Structure formats: structure tokens, C-alpha cells
């Protein structure tokens, strides 16, 4: 019986693959259609493709696990703070980027910035940084799938098997579908996942005696879960996490490119207005299930996913498999969007300008497909080493992307920004943050006091916040003392609103 859930998961993924094949037959073969669906998405599809793209392993499996271990305040970080913060940034960054992209037909963030500042180096730098931090986030999806299927099948499917399954499907899917297919299946998967998650809440809560009983059990097992804050959830942690995640999301290639694809300004504005509501509808049930599980008589093995264990214990096997299938499909939505956007960054910002400037759109689209397979395979191999928890891997990637946001915002709105300011403002914080990620912390004594160098947090504050501020200061400061270089053209960002 343990392999029955695997059959349900595979059947669901095959259904999604069929939608992708249909999109392949309908869509065009040129690069713009492959990457941006010819900029024709309406409100429902744009909203849900953005939504499903963010329904990653970080949300479905990392989030409930964190709520299970530390309490339900994760809803405050992801649901309220990031739901609202990202909606604001979608307007501040996304709307202006849409206006510029529509006028100049840009496909990637690097292409837009490189053209504005007349700098292939800046274009390659932005693409390189984005691909660097995209790698661990793709790996996170594979780790989540491996843990989910192992938990759902009681170990019959090993960790590596689940990771391999989603890797193969997302490679085939992206090579077939392009953004049009991704957006279509994102819409179906987002609606499906919201529905089954709420059904799961009703089913599990009913099985344990209602919301009051589930909450009382949670508090009895962990009295700290009854209050706001405490433990992990210090004000510094909450603010640091909310800011780095919200700003990081805006720079994710798969999210940032969606700022280019809206059919009209009205579509874009409706989408970011509805965003906080959609986020709460997902995060509240997902994270409360994790928190309630802390007070239930279940055993969650170390490294296992609490949501899979909870579903296996309190719902029928077929329904638990449906929820995990939907979650894996959502992870595939995240992964295929990441791979699609990553391939566009590689081909548009590295391959075409540096290797084959005269490449045709058709050739570019096929090079992108090959890049998808190579990138996903490398991420799968890396995922087998399990270099941290889902939260740790996701947090590292969020912070790395967040460092890009201040220079980009300044470039979008400040005409006096120069090429030198952008290069320094992007490169220096990234190098310093990489040192903090890669170099182990060391303790030294200064004036008789032990001081930890190269730590990820200081006094509870994420070091990425300081580097975000540094990036803004360097971008403005260096721009103030440098002159525009040959090829810079501020008029390329001079667009009117709708």
C-alpha cells in the first residue's frame, strides 16, 4: 500500500505534463514566447502563476516544519508581513519595470540594466549573481520532494528517489512548455492546492476534536506557542526574515520576469492588490497544521516532513497522496519557473552577448532548453548532499537575492545613477555576503571581549540587512562622485504611466 501514493503523485504530474504539451502545440517557437508568453497574461493567470511559482518547498515543507518546532508566528512573517511587503514592492519595482519592459521589449532584468547603463559587464554580473542564488533554491525543491515522498511512502521511496522524480519531470516539462504552459498549469495547481489544503485542515481538525481541541493540545505541549514572540521569534528575527524574503522575492528571476508579462497596467494593478489575500489563504492553513501537530500524538522522525506525517496519520492514504501531489506539483511550478527564467538569464545575458551575438531566436530557445537540463541535473546532484535544512537553504538564497533590490530600485528611479555606482553597489555586498555564507565563523578577542567574525547574524539581526543598506549607499555614493560613461542613456528608463 505504501506505493499507492506514489502512483497518485505520478498520475498528477503526468496530467500537468499533458497541459505543458498542449501549450507547446499552441505557443510560438520564438524566444519571447518561450520566456514571456508574448506578454499576454491576464489577471487570473498572472496572479496564480506568481502565486504558484512561490508555492515552493520552503512554503509547504519548510514552513510547517518551522511552525512545528518554533510556533505559529511564522504566519506573521510570511503571511502578513511578506504578503503586504511584496505587494508594495510589486507596485514600486514591478509596475515601473513593466512600463520600461513594454516600451523597450526587455526580457530579463540584466538586459534592462545593461542597456540602460551601456554595460555588458553589468548585464553579466546581474545574471551571474542571479544564477548563483537560483541554484540553491532549485536544489531546495528537490530536497523538499525527496523528503515528502519518503514520508508519504513510509520510506518505500528513498529521499534520492523523490528528488530524482521531480527533477526528471521539471526538465521535460520546461523543455516542452515554456512560460505559457507554466502559467496555465500554475493556475490549475494554485487553485487545486488551495482547495485540498483547506479540505485537509477541515479533515484533520475534525479528527482531533475541532480547532479548540487542536489549539489546546498545542498549548499544553508547548505553552510558549500561546504568546506572540519568544524563542526563535524575536523582533529582530521577524523583521529580518520579512524584509529579506520580500525584497529577495522581487529579485528572484522567476518572479522578476513576471513583472514583464502582464497584458495591461490594469492586469498588473489588480494582481498585486489581490496578492495579500491569496497569500493568507495559503499560509494560515499550512503553518497552523504544522503548529497544531506539535500537540498531537504523532512521531515525526528527524529530517522528515511534518505535513506528510500528519496527513498519513489523520487522512486516508489517497487524500494524503493528493495533497502531497499538489504540493509537489506546486514545487514543480516553482522549479520549472526557476529553470525557465534561469535559462533566459543564461542565454540572453551570457550566451548571446558573450558567445554568439548573432544567434537566432530559435537557436536561443533550444540553447535555453539544454541549459535547463544541465542546471537541474547539477542541482539534483548537489541536493543529495543535503547541505542544511529547507529553511536554511531557502533563507540563504532569499538574502542573496535581496542584496540586488536596493541598487535596482535606485536605478529605476534615480536618473543620476551611473554605471560605476551600479557595478560597485551590486558587486561589493555580494562578495561580502558570500564570505559570510562560505567562510566559517571565527572568534577573536578584541579589548578582552570575544567577538565572532563572519557570522550570519549580529544581535539577532540578519547581516544581509546591513549589506542591503551598504549596497544602497555605495550605489548612490559612487554615482555622486563618478560621471556617466559612454553608452549610458537615462532616457531608456523615461517612461510614462498608464
Protein backbone atom coordinates (compact mmCIF):
# COMPACT_ATOMS: atom_id res chain seq x y z
CA UNK A 1 0.00 0.00 0.00
CA UNK A 2 2.92 2.35 0.57
CA UNK A 3 3.49 2.68 -3.18
CA UNK A 4 -0.13 3.66 -3.88
CA UNK A 5 0.58 7.33 -3.03
CA UNK A 6 3.48 7.28 -5.48
CA UNK A 7 1.09 6.25 -8.27
CA UNK A 8 -1.25 9.15 -7.42
CA UNK A 9 1.66 11.63 -7.39
CA UNK A 10 2.99 10.39 -10.73
CA UNK A 11 -0.51 10.50 -12.29
CA UNK A 12 -0.92 14.11 -11.18
CA UNK A 13 2.46 15.10 -12.58
CA UNK A 14 1.64 13.38 -15.89
CA UNK A 15 -1.57 15.40 -16.08
CA UNK A 16 0.47 18.59 -15.65
CA UNK A 17 2.84 17.35 -18.34
CA UNK A 18 -0.12 16.97 -20.70
CA UNK A 19 -1.04 20.62 -20.17
CA UNK A 20 2.54 21.56 -20.96
CA UNK A 21 2.42 19.62 -24.20
CA UNK A 22 -0.76 21.41 -25.19
CA UNK A 23 0.92 24.77 -24.53
CA UNK A 24 3.86 23.67 -26.68
CA UNK A 25 1.49 22.97 -29.57
CA UNK A 26 -0.30 26.32 -29.18
CA UNK A 27 2.65 28.62 -28.49
CA UNK A 28 5.24 30.03 -30.83
CA UNK A 29 8.84 28.87 -31.21
CA UNK A 30 10.50 32.27 -30.70
CA UNK A 31 12.39 33.19 -27.52
CA UNK A 32 9.94 35.87 -26.34
CA UNK A 33 7.02 33.43 -26.41
CA UNK A 34 9.12 30.75 -24.68
CA UNK A 35 10.23 33.12 -21.90
CA UNK A 36 7.32 35.59 -21.56
CA UNK A 37 4.28 34.04 -23.33
CA UNK A 38 4.41 37.03 -25.70
CA UNK A 39 3.46 39.37 -22.78
CA UNK A 40 -0.23 38.40 -22.94
CA UNK A 41 -1.14 37.19 -19.43
CA UNK A 42 -4.42 38.33 -17.85
CA UNK A 43 -5.20 38.94 -14.17
CA UNK A 44 -6.18 35.42 -13.10
CA UNK A 45 -3.27 33.71 -14.84
CA UNK A 46 -0.70 36.34 -13.80
CA UNK A 47 -1.85 36.25 -10.18
CA UNK A 48 -1.84 32.48 -9.94
CA UNK A 49 1.36 31.91 -11.90
CA UNK A 50 3.12 34.27 -9.49
CA UNK A 51 1.38 32.58 -6.58
CA UNK A 52 2.18 29.02 -7.67
CA UNK A 53 5.75 29.99 -8.51
CA UNK A 54 6.22 30.93 -4.84
CA UNK A 55 4.48 27.77 -3.54
CA UNK A 56 7.79 26.06 -3.09
CA UNK A 57 9.24 23.52 -0.71
CA UNK A 58 10.11 26.47 1.51
CA UNK A 59 6.38 27.14 1.95
CA UNK A 60 4.88 23.66 2.04
CA UNK A 61 7.51 21.71 3.89
CA UNK A 62 9.98 24.14 5.42
CA UNK A 63 7.22 26.42 6.79
CA UNK A 64 5.13 23.75 8.57
CA UNK A 65 8.32 22.22 9.98
CA UNK A 66 9.36 25.58 11.40
CA UNK A 67 5.89 26.15 12.88
CA UNK A 68 6.02 22.64 14.38
CA UNK A 69 9.36 23.38 16.05
CA UNK A 70 9.07 27.05 16.97
CA UNK A 71 5.40 28.07 16.92
CA UNK A 72 2.78 29.58 14.62
CA UNK A 73 4.26 33.11 14.46
CA UNK A 74 5.77 32.12 11.10
CA UNK A 75 2.35 33.15 9.76
CA UNK A 76 3.17 36.71 10.83
CA UNK A 77 6.47 36.66 8.95
CA UNK A 78 5.30 35.04 5.73
CA UNK A 79 1.58 35.69 5.70
CA UNK A 80 1.11 39.22 6.94
CA UNK A 81 4.46 40.95 6.64
CA UNK A 82 5.66 39.44 3.38
CA UNK A 83 2.21 39.33 1.84
CA UNK A 84 1.93 43.08 2.29
CA UNK A 85 5.59 43.97 1.74
CA UNK A 86 5.81 42.06 -1.51
CA UNK A 87 2.57 43.61 -2.79
CA UNK A 88 4.05 47.06 -2.16
CA UNK A 89 7.31 46.12 -3.89
CA UNK A 90 5.36 44.63 -6.79
CA UNK A 91 4.00 48.13 -7.33
CA UNK A 92 7.21 50.07 -6.62
CA UNK A 93 9.52 47.85 -8.67
CA UNK A 94 7.21 45.71 -10.78
CA UNK A 95 4.97 48.40 -12.24
CA UNK A 96 7.83 50.63 -13.33
CA UNK A 97 9.70 47.62 -14.70
CA UNK A 98 6.59 46.65 -16.67
CA UNK A 99 6.37 50.13 -18.18
CA UNK A 100 10.03 50.07 -19.19
CA UNK A 101 9.88 46.48 -20.45
CA UNK A 102 6.80 47.18 -22.55
CA UNK A 103 8.44 50.22 -24.16
CA UNK A 104 11.84 48.57 -24.81
CA UNK A 105 10.84 44.88 -25.13
CA UNK A 106 13.25 43.69 -22.46
CA UNK A 107 13.14 40.02 -21.43
CA UNK A 108 15.45 39.93 -18.38
CA UNK A 109 16.49 42.26 -15.58
CA UNK A 110 20.12 42.09 -16.70
CA UNK A 111 19.17 43.02 -20.26
CA UNK A 112 17.22 46.04 -18.98
CA UNK A 113 20.03 47.29 -16.72
CA UNK A 114 22.79 46.50 -19.21
CA UNK A 115 21.03 48.51 -21.91
CA UNK A 116 20.30 51.47 -19.63
CA UNK A 117 23.94 51.71 -18.49
CA UNK A 118 25.54 50.56 -21.74
CA UNK A 119 27.35 47.79 -19.87
CA UNK A 120 27.65 44.12 -20.92
CA UNK A 121 29.62 43.69 -17.69
CA UNK A 122 26.71 44.86 -15.52
CA UNK A 123 24.35 42.67 -17.54
CA UNK A 124 26.58 39.61 -16.97
CA UNK A 125 27.09 40.49 -13.29
CA UNK A 126 23.35 40.63 -12.58
CA UNK A 127 22.80 37.37 -14.48
CA UNK A 128 25.71 35.67 -12.73
CA UNK A 129 24.57 36.72 -9.25
CA UNK A 130 21.01 35.62 -10.03
CA UNK A 131 22.09 32.20 -11.29
CA UNK A 132 24.36 31.77 -8.27
CA UNK A 133 21.48 32.19 -5.79
CA UNK A 134 18.97 30.40 -8.01
CA UNK A 135 20.99 27.20 -7.76
CA UNK A 136 20.35 26.52 -4.03
CA UNK A 137 16.67 27.41 -4.43
CA UNK A 138 16.18 24.87 -7.23
CA UNK A 139 18.03 22.40 -5.04
CA UNK A 140 15.60 23.20 -2.21
CA UNK A 141 12.67 21.99 -4.34
CA UNK A 142 14.41 18.70 -4.97
CA UNK A 143 15.19 18.31 -1.27
CA UNK A 144 11.54 19.01 -0.41
CA UNK A 145 10.27 16.44 -2.91
CA UNK A 146 12.68 13.83 -1.59
CA UNK A 147 11.56 14.36 2.00
CA UNK A 148 7.85 14.47 1.08
CA UNK A 149 7.78 11.20 -0.85
CA UNK A 150 9.92 9.43 1.70
CA UNK A 151 7.49 10.44 4.45
CA UNK A 152 4.35 9.69 2.42
CA UNK A 153 5.50 6.18 1.41
CA UNK A 154 6.95 5.35 4.85
CA UNK A 155 10.43 5.07 3.36
CA UNK A 156 9.49 2.83 0.41
CA UNK A 157 10.65 5.66 -1.88
CA UNK A 158 14.05 6.86 -0.67
CA UNK A 159 14.99 10.53 -0.41
CA UNK A 160 17.04 10.43 -3.60
CA UNK A 161 14.14 8.81 -5.48
CA UNK A 162 11.72 11.63 -4.73
CA UNK A 163 14.34 14.23 -5.65
CA UNK A 164 15.08 12.40 -8.91
CA UNK A 165 11.38 12.14 -9.78
CA UNK A 166 10.71 15.87 -9.63
CA UNK A 167 13.98 16.62 -11.43
CA UNK A 168 13.08 14.49 -14.44
CA UNK A 169 9.55 15.88 -14.65
CA UNK A 170 10.57 19.52 -14.39
CA UNK A 171 13.26 19.10 -17.08
CA UNK A 172 10.82 17.52 -19.52
CA UNK A 173 8.08 19.99 -18.66
CA UNK A 174 10.11 23.16 -19.13
CA UNK A 175 11.67 21.93 -22.35
CA UNK A 176 8.17 21.38 -23.72
CA UNK A 177 6.02 24.11 -22.27
CA UNK A 178 7.80 27.46 -21.91
CA UNK A 179 6.12 30.19 -19.86
CA UNK A 180 2.73 29.75 -21.49
CA UNK A 181 2.44 26.16 -20.29
CA UNK A 182 3.96 27.02 -16.93
CA UNK A 183 1.38 29.78 -16.42
CA UNK A 184 -1.54 27.54 -17.43
CA UNK A 185 -0.57 24.74 -15.05
CA UNK A 186 0.32 27.26 -12.32
CA UNK A 187 -3.27 28.48 -12.37
CA UNK A 188 -4.69 24.97 -12.11
CA UNK A 189 -2.19 23.94 -9.44
CA UNK A 190 -2.69 27.06 -7.36
CA UNK A 191 -6.45 26.60 -7.26
CA UNK A 192 -6.12 22.87 -6.60
CA UNK A 193 -3.56 23.33 -3.82
CA UNK A 194 -5.62 25.96 -2.01
CA UNK A 195 -8.67 23.71 -2.16
CA UNK A 196 -7.08 20.48 -0.92
CA UNK A 197 -5.13 22.30 1.81
CA UNK A 198 -8.31 23.74 3.31
CA UNK A 199 -10.01 20.34 2.99
CA UNK A 200 -7.02 18.85 4.84
CA UNK A 201 -7.47 21.39 7.64
CA UNK A 202 -11.17 20.54 7.99
CA UNK A 203 -10.42 16.80 7.90
CA UNK A 204 -7.59 16.87 10.46
CA UNK A 205 -9.25 19.36 12.80
CA UNK A 206 -12.42 17.27 12.70
CA UNK A 207 -10.43 14.13 13.52
CA UNK A 208 -8.81 15.68 16.61
CA UNK A 209 -11.97 17.27 18.03
CA UNK A 210 -12.09 20.74 16.48
CA UNK A 211 -9.99 23.91 16.36
CA UNK A 212 -10.24 24.48 20.12
CA UNK A 213 -9.03 20.96 20.91
CA UNK A 214 -6.15 21.22 18.41
CA UNK A 215 -5.11 24.60 19.83
CA UNK A 216 -5.40 23.46 23.45
CA UNK A 217 -3.26 20.41 22.70
CA UNK A 218 -0.65 22.60 21.02
CA UNK A 219 -0.51 24.96 24.02
CA UNK A 220 -0.42 22.11 26.54
CA UNK A 221 2.58 20.61 24.74
CA UNK A 222 4.28 23.97 24.16
CA UNK A 223 2.98 26.80 26.39
CA UNK A 224 5.22 29.29 24.57
CA UNK A 225 3.14 28.77 21.41
CA UNK A 226 0.27 30.68 23.07
CA UNK A 227 2.09 34.03 23.10
CA UNK A 228 3.44 36.32 20.43
CA UNK A 229 7.19 36.23 20.11
CA UNK A 230 9.69 34.49 22.30
CA UNK A 231 12.20 31.81 21.45
CA UNK A 232 13.15 31.97 17.81
CA UNK A 233 10.63 34.73 17.08
CA UNK A 234 12.48 37.77 18.36
CA UNK A 235 11.61 41.14 16.80
CA UNK A 236 15.00 41.05 15.07
CA UNK A 237 14.29 37.64 13.53
CA UNK A 238 10.79 38.59 12.41
CA UNK A 239 11.83 41.88 10.79
CA UNK A 240 15.00 40.43 9.26
CA UNK A 241 13.15 37.47 7.78
CA UNK A 242 10.24 39.54 6.46
CA UNK A 243 12.47 42.15 4.80
CA UNK A 244 14.99 39.77 3.24
CA UNK A 245 12.27 37.43 1.97
CA UNK A 246 10.08 40.19 0.50
CA UNK A 247 12.97 42.05 -1.17
CA UNK A 248 14.57 38.77 -2.22
CA UNK A 249 11.37 37.59 -3.90
CA UNK A 250 11.27 40.69 -6.12
CA UNK A 251 14.71 39.79 -7.48
CA UNK A 252 14.03 36.07 -7.99
CA UNK A 253 14.40 35.61 -11.78
CA UNK A 254 11.13 33.65 -11.97
CA UNK A 255 9.24 36.41 -10.13
CA UNK A 256 11.04 39.41 -11.58
CA UNK A 257 10.33 38.26 -15.14
CA UNK A 258 6.63 38.16 -14.33
CA UNK A 259 6.83 41.93 -13.98
CA UNK A 260 7.22 41.97 -17.79
CA UNK A 261 4.36 39.68 -18.83
CA UNK A 262 1.10 41.45 -17.90
CA UNK A 263 -1.21 42.23 -20.80
CA UNK A 264 -2.02 45.70 -19.39
CA UNK A 265 -1.42 48.02 -16.45
CA UNK A 266 -4.87 47.14 -15.12
CA UNK A 267 -3.92 43.46 -15.02
CA UNK A 268 -0.76 44.28 -13.08
CA UNK A 269 -2.50 46.52 -10.54
CA UNK A 270 -5.31 44.06 -9.89
CA UNK A 271 -2.78 41.29 -9.34
CA UNK A 272 -0.71 43.00 -6.66
CA UNK A 273 -3.86 44.31 -4.93
CA UNK A 274 -5.19 40.74 -4.56
CA UNK A 275 -1.84 39.28 -3.57
CA UNK A 276 -2.03 39.66 0.27
CA UNK A 277 -5.42 37.93 0.37
CA UNK A 278 -4.18 34.97 -1.66
CA UNK A 279 -1.06 34.64 0.49
CA UNK A 280 -3.06 34.47 3.74
CA UNK A 281 -5.42 31.87 2.27
CA UNK A 282 -2.42 29.59 1.79
CA UNK A 283 -0.08 30.34 4.68
CA UNK A 284 -2.62 30.27 7.52
CA UNK A 285 -3.73 26.64 6.97
CA UNK A 286 -0.25 25.34 6.03
CA UNK A 287 1.53 26.80 9.04
CA UNK A 288 -1.27 26.15 11.54
CA UNK A 289 -1.22 22.47 10.59
CA UNK A 290 2.46 22.43 11.47
CA UNK A 291 1.88 24.21 14.79
CA UNK A 292 -1.11 22.03 15.77
CA UNK A 293 0.93 18.91 15.03
CA UNK A 294 3.22 19.79 17.94
CA UNK A 295 0.37 18.92 20.33
CA UNK A 296 -0.82 15.75 18.60
CA UNK A 297 0.27 12.18 19.42
CA UNK A 298 2.35 11.69 16.29
CA UNK A 299 6.02 10.93 15.86
CA UNK A 300 7.94 12.97 13.31
CA UNK A 301 11.30 11.33 12.57
CA UNK A 302 14.31 13.60 12.36
CA UNK A 303 14.60 15.11 8.90
CA UNK A 304 11.04 14.08 7.96
CA UNK A 305 8.30 16.44 6.85
CA UNK A 306 5.63 17.08 9.48
CA UNK A 307 2.88 17.74 6.92
CA UNK A 308 3.36 14.34 5.26
CA UNK A 309 3.34 12.55 8.63
CA UNK A 310 0.25 14.46 9.78
CA UNK A 311 -1.67 13.64 6.61
CA UNK A 312 -0.67 9.99 6.72
CA UNK A 313 -1.93 9.73 10.31
CA UNK A 314 -5.27 11.58 10.10
CA UNK A 315 -6.49 11.33 6.49
CA UNK A 316 -7.00 8.44 4.05
CA UNK A 317 -3.95 7.41 2.04
CA UNK A 318 -5.45 8.57 -1.24
CA UNK A 319 -6.17 12.07 0.13
CA UNK A 320 -2.74 12.42 1.73
CA UNK A 321 -1.25 11.47 -1.62
CA UNK A 322 -3.39 14.10 -3.37
CA UNK A 323 -2.18 16.83 -1.03
CA UNK A 324 1.45 15.82 -1.46
CA UNK A 325 0.90 15.51 -5.21
CA UNK A 326 -0.47 19.03 -5.24
CA UNK A 327 2.44 20.24 -3.13
CA UNK A 328 4.93 18.52 -5.43
CA UNK A 329 3.16 19.99 -8.43
CA UNK A 330 3.46 23.38 -6.78
CA UNK A 331 7.15 22.71 -6.19
CA UNK A 332 7.40 21.74 -9.84
CA UNK A 333 5.72 25.05 -10.69
CA UNK A 334 8.40 26.82 -8.70
CA UNK A 335 11.17 24.71 -10.17
CA UNK A 336 10.08 24.94 -13.79
CA UNK A 337 9.67 28.70 -13.47
CA UNK A 338 13.14 28.96 -11.93
CA UNK A 339 14.68 26.83 -14.64
CA UNK A 340 12.87 28.74 -17.39
CA UNK A 341 13.95 32.13 -16.04
CA UNK A 342 17.44 30.88 -15.27
CA UNK A 343 17.79 29.67 -18.84
CA UNK A 344 16.74 33.09 -20.14
CA UNK A 345 19.36 34.79 -17.93
CA UNK A 346 21.97 32.37 -19.26
CA UNK A 347 21.09 32.69 -22.93
CA UNK A 348 20.08 36.38 -23.10
CA UNK A 349 22.69 37.83 -20.75
CA UNK A 350 25.65 35.45 -21.05
CA UNK A 351 25.45 33.22 -24.14
CA UNK A 352 24.11 35.72 -26.67
CA UNK A 353 26.21 38.80 -25.80
CA UNK A 354 29.43 36.95 -24.88
CA UNK A 355 29.44 33.82 -27.08
CA UNK A 356 27.06 34.10 -30.06
CA UNK A 357 25.72 37.65 -30.62
CA UNK A 358 24.21 36.65 -33.97
CA UNK A 359 22.25 33.67 -32.59
CA UNK A 360 18.71 33.42 -33.89
CA UNK A 361 15.73 33.40 -31.53
CA UNK A 362 15.05 29.77 -32.42
CA UNK A 363 18.63 28.75 -31.64
CA UNK A 364 18.49 30.71 -28.40
CA UNK A 365 15.32 28.89 -27.34
CA UNK A 366 16.97 25.49 -27.90
CA UNK A 367 20.15 26.51 -26.08
CA UNK A 368 17.86 27.53 -23.20
CA UNK A 369 16.28 24.06 -23.17
CA UNK A 370 19.70 22.39 -23.00
CA UNK A 371 20.68 24.75 -20.18
CA UNK A 372 17.55 23.73 -18.25
CA UNK A 373 18.59 20.07 -18.29
CA UNK A 374 22.16 20.79 -17.25
CA UNK A 375 21.21 23.20 -14.44
CA UNK A 376 18.56 20.87 -12.98
CA UNK A 377 20.88 17.86 -13.11
CA UNK A 378 23.65 19.70 -11.27
CA UNK A 379 21.18 20.93 -8.64
CA UNK A 380 19.93 17.35 -8.16
CA UNK A 381 23.46 16.06 -7.58
CA UNK A 382 24.05 18.85 -5.05
CA UNK A 383 20.73 18.11 -3.30
CA UNK A 384 21.94 14.59 -2.49
CA UNK A 385 24.49 16.13 -0.09
CA UNK A 386 21.63 17.76 1.88
CA UNK A 387 23.61 20.91 2.79
CA UNK A 388 21.20 22.13 5.50
CA UNK A 389 17.50 22.29 6.32
CA UNK A 390 14.94 23.63 3.86
CA UNK A 391 14.69 26.83 5.90
CA UNK A 392 18.46 27.33 5.98
CA UNK A 393 18.88 26.77 2.25
CA UNK A 394 15.90 29.00 1.40
CA UNK A 395 16.97 31.77 3.77
CA UNK A 396 20.45 31.88 2.23
CA UNK A 397 19.03 32.28 -1.27
CA UNK A 398 16.46 34.91 -0.21
CA UNK A 399 19.15 37.07 1.39
CA UNK A 400 21.47 36.78 -1.62
CA UNK A 401 18.70 37.98 -3.95
CA UNK A 402 17.63 40.72 -1.51
CA UNK A 403 21.02 42.41 -1.92
CA UNK A 404 20.17 43.12 -5.58
CA UNK A 405 16.99 45.03 -4.75
CA UNK A 406 18.38 48.39 -3.46
CA UNK A 407 20.63 49.10 -6.49
CA UNK A 408 17.82 48.09 -8.87
CA UNK A 409 15.29 50.36 -7.13
CA UNK A 410 17.74 53.25 -7.23
CA UNK A 411 18.43 52.66 -10.93
CA UNK A 412 14.71 52.63 -11.73
CA UNK A 413 14.01 55.98 -10.09
CA UNK A 414 17.27 57.99 -9.89
CA UNK A 415 18.46 59.39 -13.23
CA UNK A 416 21.85 60.39 -11.75
CA UNK A 417 22.77 56.75 -11.12
CA UNK A 418 25.91 55.77 -13.05
CA UNK A 419 27.39 52.57 -14.37
CA UNK A 420 30.20 52.67 -11.79
CA UNK A 421 27.68 53.16 -9.00
CA UNK A 422 25.69 50.14 -10.14
CA UNK A 423 28.71 47.87 -10.55
CA UNK A 424 30.06 48.69 -7.09
CA UNK A 425 26.61 48.69 -5.46
CA UNK A 426 25.86 45.20 -6.80
CA UNK A 427 29.29 43.54 -6.54
CA UNK A 428 30.62 44.61 -3.11
CA UNK A 429 27.63 43.46 -0.97
CA UNK A 430 27.51 40.16 -2.85
CA UNK A 431 31.20 39.44 -2.21
CA UNK A 432 30.87 40.29 1.48
CA UNK A 433 27.73 38.17 1.87
CA UNK A 434 29.38 35.22 0.12
CA UNK A 435 32.21 35.43 2.65
CA UNK A 436 29.66 35.23 5.44
CA UNK A 437 27.99 32.22 3.84
CA UNK A 438 31.09 30.27 2.82
CA UNK A 439 33.67 31.13 5.49
CA UNK A 440 33.14 29.55 8.91
CA UNK A 441 32.64 31.95 11.78
CA UNK A 442 35.77 32.60 13.84
CA UNK A 443 36.02 34.06 17.30
CA UNK A 444 38.69 36.63 18.18
CA UNK A 445 39.35 38.68 21.28
CA UNK A 446 39.24 42.47 20.97
CA UNK A 447 39.96 44.52 24.07
CA UNK A 448 39.36 41.46 26.22
CA UNK A 449 35.96 40.71 24.59
CA UNK A 450 35.18 37.69 22.41
CA UNK A 451 33.84 38.80 19.03
CA UNK A 452 32.51 36.42 16.37
CA UNK A 453 33.59 37.40 12.88
CA UNK A 454 31.77 36.48 9.67
CA UNK A 455 28.60 35.43 11.46
CA UNK A 456 25.25 35.37 9.67
CA UNK A 457 23.53 37.44 12.38
CA UNK A 458 24.53 40.17 14.82
CA UNK A 459 22.39 40.71 17.89
CA UNK A 460 19.67 38.72 16.15
CA UNK A 461 19.73 40.92 13.03
CA UNK A 462 20.49 39.25 9.71
CA UNK A 463 23.76 40.58 8.31
CA UNK A 464 22.03 40.80 4.90
CA UNK A 465 20.15 43.90 6.13
CA UNK A 466 23.43 45.72 6.64
CA UNK A 467 24.64 44.66 3.21
CA UNK A 468 21.38 45.85 1.63
CA UNK A 469 21.95 49.27 3.20
CA UNK A 470 25.59 49.19 2.09
CA UNK A 471 24.51 48.44 -1.48
CA UNK A 472 22.19 51.45 -1.50
CA UNK A 473 24.86 53.76 -0.02
CA UNK A 474 27.51 52.58 -2.47
CA UNK A 475 25.20 52.92 -5.47
CA UNK A 476 24.26 56.49 -4.60
CA UNK A 477 27.70 57.48 -3.27
CA UNK A 478 29.78 56.18 -6.16
CA UNK A 479 27.26 57.60 -8.64
CA UNK A 480 27.65 61.03 -6.99
CA UNK A 481 31.43 61.05 -7.48
CA UNK A 482 31.54 59.45 -10.95
CA UNK A 483 30.48 60.72 -14.34
CA UNK A 484 28.21 58.89 -16.79
CA UNK A 485 30.24 56.61 -19.04
CA UNK A 486 29.94 56.26 -22.79
CA UNK A 487 26.80 54.35 -23.71
CA UNK A 488 24.74 55.26 -20.65
CA UNK A 489 21.28 56.56 -21.51
CA UNK A 490 18.90 57.57 -18.71
CA UNK A 491 16.19 58.22 -21.32
CA UNK A 492 15.75 54.47 -21.71
CA UNK A 493 14.03 54.45 -18.31
CA UNK A 494 12.00 57.60 -19.02
CA UNK A 495 8.50 56.17 -19.47
CA UNK A 496 5.05 57.46 -18.64
CA UNK A 497 2.49 55.62 -16.52
CA UNK A 498 -0.92 54.31 -17.57
